Amino acid sequence: MKYKHYREIEPSNKTDIIMLYFAACRSLRELEAAIRRTNNGNLTCRQAWLLRRIQYKLTQMASKWKNIQ
């Protein structure tokens, strides 16, 4: 998976931070469910930690955006 650098991302007036936050949360839940299916319903400690870390970063981004508004 190739990621764009922060400076390469073009601004967009078509997106809404609330919609993006909830879409990212849904994707995380789907990813967790897919991992659990492959591991017989379990997550390793590392997998759970990484998923929680992504969720925490999404929450930080949303709170930072709320402070800007």
PDB file of N, CA and C in Angstrom:
ATOM      1  N   MET A   1       0.849  -1.163   0.000  1.00  0.00           N
ATOM      2  CA  MET A   1       0.000   0.000   0.000  1.00  0.00           C
ATOM      3  C   MET A   1       0.905   1.239   0.000  1.00  0.00           C
ATOM      4  N   LYS A   2       0.648   2.134  -0.932  1.00  0.00           N
ATOM      5  CA  LYS A   2       1.455   3.337  -1.033  1.00  0.00           C
ATOM      6  C   LYS A   2       0.673   4.509  -0.438  1.00  0.00           C
ATOM      7  N   TYR A   3       1.313   5.233   0.444  1.00  0.00           N
ATOM      8  CA  TYR A   3       0.685   6.385   1.081  1.00  0.00           C
ATOM      9  C   TYR A   3       1.254   7.666   0.507  1.00  0.00           C
ATOM     10  N   LYS A   4       0.403   8.681   0.396  1.00  0.00           N
ATOM     11  CA  LYS A   4       0.860   9.996  -0.035  1.00  0.00           C
ATOM     12  C   LYS A   4       1.475  10.724   1.146  1.00  0.00           C
ATOM     13  N   HIS A   5       2.455  11.524   0.859  1.00  0.00           N
ATOM     14  CA  HIS A   5       3.017  12.389   1.894  1.00  0.00           C
ATOM     15  C   HIS A   5       1.996  13.483   2.191  1.00  0.00           C
ATOM     16  N   TYR A   6       2.006  13.971   3.397  1.00  0.00           N
ATOM     17  CA  TYR A   6       1.049  14.985   3.833  1.00  0.00           C
ATOM     18  C   TYR A   6       1.024  16.190   2.886  1.00  0.00           C
ATOM     19  N   ARG A   7       2.193  16.616   2.429  1.00  0.00           N
ATOM     20  CA  ARG A   7       2.269  17.803   1.562  1.00  0.00           C
ATOM     21  C   ARG A   7       1.732  17.541   0.161  1.00  0.00           C
ATOM     22  N   GLU A   8       1.625  16.286  -0.243  1.00  0.00           N
ATOM     23  CA  GLU A   8       1.130  15.942  -1.574  1.00  0.00           C
ATOM     24  C   GLU A   8      -0.393  15.889  -1.648  1.00  0.00           C
ATOM     25  N   ILE A   9      -1.060  15.936  -0.512  1.00  0.00           N
ATOM     26  CA  ILE A   9      -2.520  15.833  -0.487  1.00  0.00           C
ATOM     27  C   ILE A   9      -3.116  17.188  -0.868  1.00  0.00           C
ATOM     28  N   GLU A  10      -3.973  17.159  -1.885  1.00  0.00           N
ATOM     29  CA  GLU A  10      -4.631  18.382  -2.341  1.00  0.00           C
ATOM     30  C   GLU A  10      -5.825  18.694  -1.438  1.00  0.00           C
ATOM     31  N   PRO A  11      -6.116  19.973  -1.207  1.00  0.00           N
ATOM     32  CA  PRO A  11      -7.305  20.323  -0.421  1.00  0.00           C
ATOM     33  C   PRO A  11      -8.579  19.956  -1.176  1.00  0.00           C
ATOM     34  N   SER A  12      -9.622  19.652  -0.427  1.00  0.00           N
ATOM     35  CA  SER A  12     -10.890  19.266  -1.041  1.00  0.00           C
ATOM     36  C   SER A  12     -12.036  19.919  -0.288  1.00  0.00           C
ATOM     37  N   ASN A  13     -12.938  20.512  -1.045  1.00  0.00           N
ATOM     38  CA  ASN A  13     -14.139  21.111  -0.451  1.00  0.00           C
ATOM     39  C   ASN A  13     -15.311  20.142  -0.484  1.00  0.00           C
ATOM     40  N   LYS A  14     -15.107  18.947  -1.038  1.00  0.00           N
ATOM     41  CA  LYS A  14     -16.187  17.978  -1.195  1.00  0.00           C
ATOM     42  C   LYS A  14     -16.344  17.074   0.018  1.00  0.00           C
ATOM     43  N   THR A  15     -15.375  17.062   0.920  1.00  0.00           N
ATOM     44  CA  THR A  15     -15.412  16.118   2.038  1.00  0.00           C
ATOM     45  C   THR A  15     -15.857  16.806   3.325  1.00  0.00           C
ATOM     46  N   ASP A  16     -16.379  15.994   4.204  1.00  0.00           N
ATOM     47  CA  ASP A  16     -16.829  16.462   5.509  1.00  0.00           C
ATOM     48  C   ASP A  16     -16.113  15.613   6.559  1.00  0.00           C
ATOM     49  N   ILE A  17     -15.495  16.227   7.541  1.00  0.00           N
ATOM     50  CA  ILE A  17     -14.691  15.506   8.526  1.00  0.00           C
ATOM     51  C   ILE A  17     -15.533  14.501   9.319  1.00  0.00           C
ATOM     52  N   ILE A  18     -16.780  14.821   9.571  1.00  0.00           N
ATOM     53  CA  ILE A  18     -17.647  13.912  10.319  1.00  0.00           C
ATOM     54  C   ILE A  18     -17.894  12.638   9.518  1.00  0.00           C
ATOM     55  N   MET A  19     -18.199  12.801   8.232  1.00  0.00           N
ATOM     56  CA  MET A  19     -18.424  11.660   7.359  1.00  0.00           C
ATOM     57  C   MET A  19     -17.155  10.806   7.259  1.00  0.00           C
ATOM     58  N   LEU A  20     -16.013  11.459   7.125  1.00  0.00           N
ATOM     59  CA  LEU A  20     -14.752  10.738   7.008  1.00  0.00           C
ATOM     60  C   LEU A  20     -14.422   9.982   8.291  1.00  0.00           C
ATOM     61  N   TYR A  21     -14.680  10.590   9.441  1.00  0.00           N
ATOM     62  CA  TYR A  21     -14.405   9.937  10.720  1.00  0.00           C
ATOM     63  C   TYR A  21     -15.217   8.651  10.858  1.00  0.00           C
ATOM     64  N   PHE A  22     -16.516   8.735  10.588  1.00  0.00           N
ATOM     65  CA  PHE A  22     -17.369   7.558  10.737  1.00  0.00           C
ATOM     66  C   PHE A  22     -17.055   6.500   9.680  1.00  0.00           C
ATOM     67  N   ALA A  23     -16.688   6.909   8.476  1.00  0.00           N
ATOM     68  CA  ALA A  23     -16.292   5.945   7.442  1.00  0.00           C
ATOM     69  C   ALA A  23     -15.018   5.217   7.853  1.00  0.00           C
ATOM     70  N   ALA A  24     -14.070   5.936   8.428  1.00  0.00           N
ATOM     71  CA  ALA A  24     -12.834   5.302   8.894  1.00  0.00           C
ATOM     72  C   ALA A  24     -13.115   4.340  10.036  1.00  0.00           C
ATOM     73  N   CYS A  25     -14.021   4.711  10.933  1.00  0.00           N
ATOM     74  CA  CYS A  25     -14.385   3.813  12.048  1.00  0.00           C
ATOM     75  C   CYS A  25     -15.049   2.544  11.530  1.00  0.00           C
ATOM     76  N   ARG A  26     -15.920   2.679  10.529  1.00  0.00           N
ATOM     77  CA  ARG A  26     -16.547   1.491   9.937  1.00  0.00           C
ATOM     78  C   ARG A  26     -15.496   0.588   9.306  1.00  0.00           C
ATOM     79  N   SER A  27     -14.550   1.192   8.602  1.00  0.00           N
ATOM     80  CA  SER A  27     -13.489   0.400   7.971  1.00  0.00           C
ATOM     81  C   SER A  27     -12.652  -0.326   9.018  1.00  0.00           C
ATOM     82  N   LEU A  28     -12.380   0.326  10.136  1.00  0.00           N
ATOM     83  CA  LEU A  28     -11.633  -0.332  11.217  1.00  0.00           C
ATOM     84  C   LEU A  28     -12.405  -1.513  11.786  1.00  0.00           C
ATOM     85  N   ARG A  29     -13.726  -1.349  11.969  1.00  0.00           N
ATOM     86  CA  ARG A  29     -14.539  -2.460  12.477  1.00  0.00           C
ATOM     87  C   ARG A  29     -14.533  -3.627  11.494  1.00  0.00           C
ATOM     88  N   GLU A  30     -14.636  -3.322  10.195  1.00  0.00           N
ATOM     89  CA  GLU A  30     -14.608  -4.378   9.187  1.00  0.00           C
ATOM     90  C   GLU A  30     -13.257  -5.085   9.171  1.00  0.00           C
ATOM     91  N   LEU A  31     -12.190  -4.316   9.307  1.00  0.00           N
ATOM     92  CA  LEU A  31     -10.854  -4.898   9.360  1.00  0.00           C
ATOM     93  C   LEU A  31     -10.701  -5.801  10.576  1.00  0.00           C
ATOM     94  N   GLU A  32     -11.194  -5.340  11.715  1.00  0.00           N
ATOM     95  CA  GLU A  32     -11.123  -6.160  12.929  1.00  0.00           C
ATOM     96  C   GLU A  32     -11.908  -7.454  12.746  1.00  0.00           C
ATOM     97  N   ALA A  33     -13.099  -7.362  12.153  1.00  0.00           N
ATOM     98  CA  ALA A  33     -13.906  -8.566  11.928  1.00  0.00           C
ATOM     99  C   ALA A  33     -13.200  -9.533  10.982  1.00  0.00           C
ATOM    100  N   ALA A  34     -12.554  -9.007   9.941  1.00  0.00           N
ATOM    101  CA  ALA A  34     -11.834  -9.877   8.999  1.00  0.00           C
ATOM    102  C   ALA A  34     -10.658 -10.565   9.683  1.00  0.00           C
ATOM    103  N   ILE A  35      -9.943  -9.837  10.529  1.00  0.00           N
ATOM    104  CA  ILE A  35      -8.819 -10.440  11.253  1.00  0.00           C
ATOM    105  C   ILE A  35      -9.320 -11.508  12.209  1.00  0.00           C
ATOM    106  N   ARG A  36     -10.414 -11.214  12.896  1.00  0.00           N
ATOM    107  CA  ARG A  36     -10.979 -12.200  13.826  1.00  0.00           C
ATOM    108  C   ARG A  36     -11.430 -13.468  13.103  1.00  0.00           C
ATOM    109  N   ARG A  37     -12.004 -13.301  11.889  1.00  0.00           N
ATOM    110  CA  ARG A  37     -12.431 -14.480  11.120  1.00  0.00           C
ATOM    111  C   ARG A  37     -11.246 -15.372  10.774  1.00  0.00           C
ATOM    112  N   THR A  38     -10.114 -14.757  10.460  1.00  0.00           N
ATOM    113  CA  THR A  38      -8.954 -15.571  10.083  1.00  0.00           C
ATOM    114  C   THR A  38      -8.271 -16.188  11.297  1.00  0.00           C
ATOM    115  N   ASN A  39      -8.491 -15.622  12.491  1.00  0.00           N
ATOM    116  CA  ASN A  39      -7.840 -16.123  13.712  1.00  0.00           C
ATOM    117  C   ASN A  39      -8.811 -16.820  14.656  1.00  0.00           C
ATOM    118  N   ASN A  40      -9.890 -17.375  14.137  1.00  0.00           N
ATOM    119  CA  ASN A  40     -10.884 -18.084  14.955  1.00  0.00           C
ATOM    120  C   ASN A  40     -11.453 -17.223  16.081  1.00  0.00           C
ATOM    121  N   GLY A  41     -11.721 -15.963  15.793  1.00  0.00           N
ATOM    122  CA  GLY A  41     -12.359 -15.078  16.765  1.00  0.00           C
ATOM    123  C   GLY A  41     -11.422 -14.365  17.708  1.00  0.00           C
ATOM    124  N   ASN A  42     -10.131 -14.522  17.532  1.00  0.00           N
ATOM    125  CA  ASN A  42      -9.170 -13.899  18.441  1.00  0.00           C
ATOM    126  C   ASN A  42      -8.290 -12.887  17.718  1.00  0.00           C
ATOM    127  N   LEU A  43      -7.822 -11.922  18.480  1.00  0.00           N
ATOM    128  CA  LEU A  43      -6.810 -10.984  18.008  1.00  0.00           C
ATOM    129  C   LEU A  43      -5.555 -11.199  18.834  1.00  0.00           C
ATOM    130  N   THR A  44      -4.409 -11.086  18.200  1.00  0.00           N
ATOM    131  CA  THR A  44      -3.180 -11.104  18.986  1.00  0.00           C
ATOM    132  C   THR A  44      -3.076  -9.770  19.717  1.00  0.00           C
ATOM    133  N   CYS A  45      -2.242  -9.724  20.713  1.00  0.00           N
ATOM    134  CA  CYS A  45      -2.056  -8.471  21.458  1.00  0.00           C
ATOM    135  C   CYS A  45      -1.584  -7.364  20.538  1.00  0.00           C
ATOM    136  N   ARG A  46      -0.678  -7.685  19.638  1.00  0.00           N
ATOM    137  CA  ARG A  46      -0.139  -6.699  18.703  1.00  0.00           C
ATOM    138  C   ARG A  46      -1.232  -6.174  17.765  1.00  0.00           C
ATOM    139  N   GLN A  47      -2.073  -7.056  17.252  1.00  0.00           N
ATOM    140  CA  GLN A  47      -3.154  -6.635  16.368  1.00  0.00           C
ATOM    141  C   GLN A  47      -4.140  -5.730  17.101  1.00  0.00           C
ATOM    142  N   ALA A  48      -4.512  -6.110  18.314  1.00  0.00           N
ATOM    143  CA  ALA A  48      -5.435  -5.288  19.096  1.00  0.00           C
ATOM    144  C   ALA A  48      -4.813  -3.930  19.400  1.00  0.00           C
ATOM    145  N   TRP A  49      -3.536  -3.915  19.732  1.00  0.00           N
ATOM    146  CA  TRP A  49      -2.841  -2.661  20.038  1.00  0.00           C
ATOM    147  C   TRP A  49      -2.818  -1.754  18.817  1.00  0.00           C
ATOM    148  N   LEU A  50      -2.523  -2.312  17.647  1.00  0.00           N
ATOM    149  CA  LEU A  50      -2.469  -1.506  16.428  1.00  0.00           C
ATOM    150  C   LEU A  50      -3.836  -0.935  16.058  1.00  0.00           C
ATOM    151  N   LEU A  51      -4.883  -1.738  16.207  1.00  0.00           N
ATOM    152  CA  LEU A  51      -6.230  -1.241  15.912  1.00  0.00           C
ATOM    153  C   LEU A  51      -6.634  -0.130  16.885  1.00  0.00           C
ATOM    154  N   ARG A  52      -6.310  -0.310  18.175  1.00  0.00           N
ATOM    155  CA  ARG A  52      -6.613   0.737  19.151  1.00  0.00           C
ATOM    156  C   ARG A  52      -5.827   2.008  18.856  1.00  0.00           C
ATOM    157  N   ARG A  53      -4.588   1.846  18.413  1.00  0.00           N
ATOM    158  CA  ARG A  53      -3.747   2.995  18.096  1.00  0.00           C
ATOM    159  C   ARG A  53      -4.318   3.799  16.921  1.00  0.00           C
ATOM    160  N   ILE A  54      -4.786   3.099  15.886  1.00  0.00           N
ATOM    161  CA  ILE A  54      -5.404   3.792  14.754  1.00  0.00           C
ATOM    162  C   ILE A  54      -6.663   4.517  15.209  1.00  0.00           C
ATOM    163  N   GLN A  55      -7.489   3.857  16.026  1.00  0.00           N
ATOM    164  CA  GLN A  55      -8.706   4.493  16.535  1.00  0.00           C
ATOM    165  C   GLN A  55      -8.365   5.738  17.352  1.00  0.00           C
ATOM    166  N   TYR A  56      -7.337   5.660  18.176  1.00  0.00           N
ATOM    167  CA  TYR A  56      -6.928   6.796  18.988  1.00  0.00           C
ATOM    168  C   TYR A  56      -6.465   7.957  18.108  1.00  0.00           C
ATOM    169  N   LYS A  57      -5.726   7.650  17.045  1.00  0.00           N
ATOM    170  CA  LYS A  57      -5.249   8.696  16.142  1.00  0.00           C
ATOM    171  C   LYS A  57      -6.411   9.342  15.400  1.00  0.00           C
ATOM    172  N   LEU A  58      -7.415   8.565  15.024  1.00  0.00           N
ATOM    173  CA  LEU A  58      -8.606   9.140  14.397  1.00  0.00           C
ATOM    174  C   LEU A  58      -9.315  10.085  15.361  1.00  0.00           C
ATOM    175  N   THR A  59      -9.407   9.680  16.621  1.00  0.00           N
ATOM    176  CA  THR A  59     -10.035  10.523  17.630  1.00  0.00           C
ATOM    177  C   THR A  59      -9.246  11.814  17.830  1.00  0.00           C
ATOM    178  N   GLN A  60      -7.917  11.704  17.839  1.00  0.00           N
ATOM    179  CA  GLN A  60      -7.085  12.903  17.976  1.00  0.00           C
ATOM    180  C   GLN A  60      -7.290  13.849  16.793  1.00  0.00           C
ATOM    181  N   MET A  61      -7.367  13.298  15.583  1.00  0.00           N
ATOM    182  CA  MET A  61      -7.569  14.142  14.403  1.00  0.00           C
ATOM    183  C   MET A  61      -8.913  14.849  14.466  1.00  0.00           C
ATOM    184  N   ALA A  62      -9.958  14.137  14.890  1.00  0.00           N
ATOM    185  CA  ALA A  62     -11.286  14.740  14.987  1.00  0.00           C
ATOM    186  C   ALA A  62     -11.299  15.842  16.059  1.00  0.00           C
ATOM    187  N   SER A  63     -10.659  15.600  17.188  1.00  0.00           N
ATOM    188  CA  SER A  63     -10.659  16.622  18.238  1.00  0.00           C
ATOM    189  C   SER A  63      -9.848  17.847  17.817  1.00  0.00           C
ATOM    190  N   LYS A  64      -8.767  17.630  17.079  1.00  0.00           N
ATOM    191  CA  LYS A  64      -7.984  18.759  16.575  1.00  0.00           C
ATOM    192  C   LYS A  64      -8.814  19.572  15.585  1.00  0.00           C
ATOM    193  N   TRP A  65      -9.550  18.894  14.718  1.00  0.00           N
ATOM    194  CA  TRP A  65     -10.404  19.599  13.774  1.00  0.00           C
ATOM    195  C   TRP A  65     -11.488  20.401  14.495  1.00  0.00           C
ATOM    196  N   LYS A  66     -12.043  19.842  15.572  1.00  0.00           N
ATOM    197  CA  LYS A  66     -13.070  20.560  16.333  1.00  0.00           C
ATOM    198  C   LYS A  66     -12.500  21.812  16.977  1.00  0.00           C
ATOM    199  N   ASN A  67     -11.234  21.771  17.389  1.00  0.00           N
ATOM    200  CA  ASN A  67     -10.605  22.955  17.983  1.00  0.00           C
ATOM    201  C   ASN A  67     -10.373  24.038  16.951  1.00  0.00           C
ATOM    202  N   ILE A  68     -10.151  23.648  15.699  1.00  0.00           N
ATOM    203  CA  ILE A  68      -9.915  24.616  14.627  1.00  0.00           C
ATOM    204  C   ILE A  68     -11.210  25.330  14.262  1.00  0.00           C
ATOM    205  N   GLN A  69     -12.319  24.600  14.298  1.00  0.00           N
ATOM    206  CA  GLN A  69     -13.603  25.167  13.870  1.00  0.00           C
ATOM    207  C   GLN A  69     -14.075  26.250  14.777  1.00  0.00           C
TER     208      GLN A  69
END
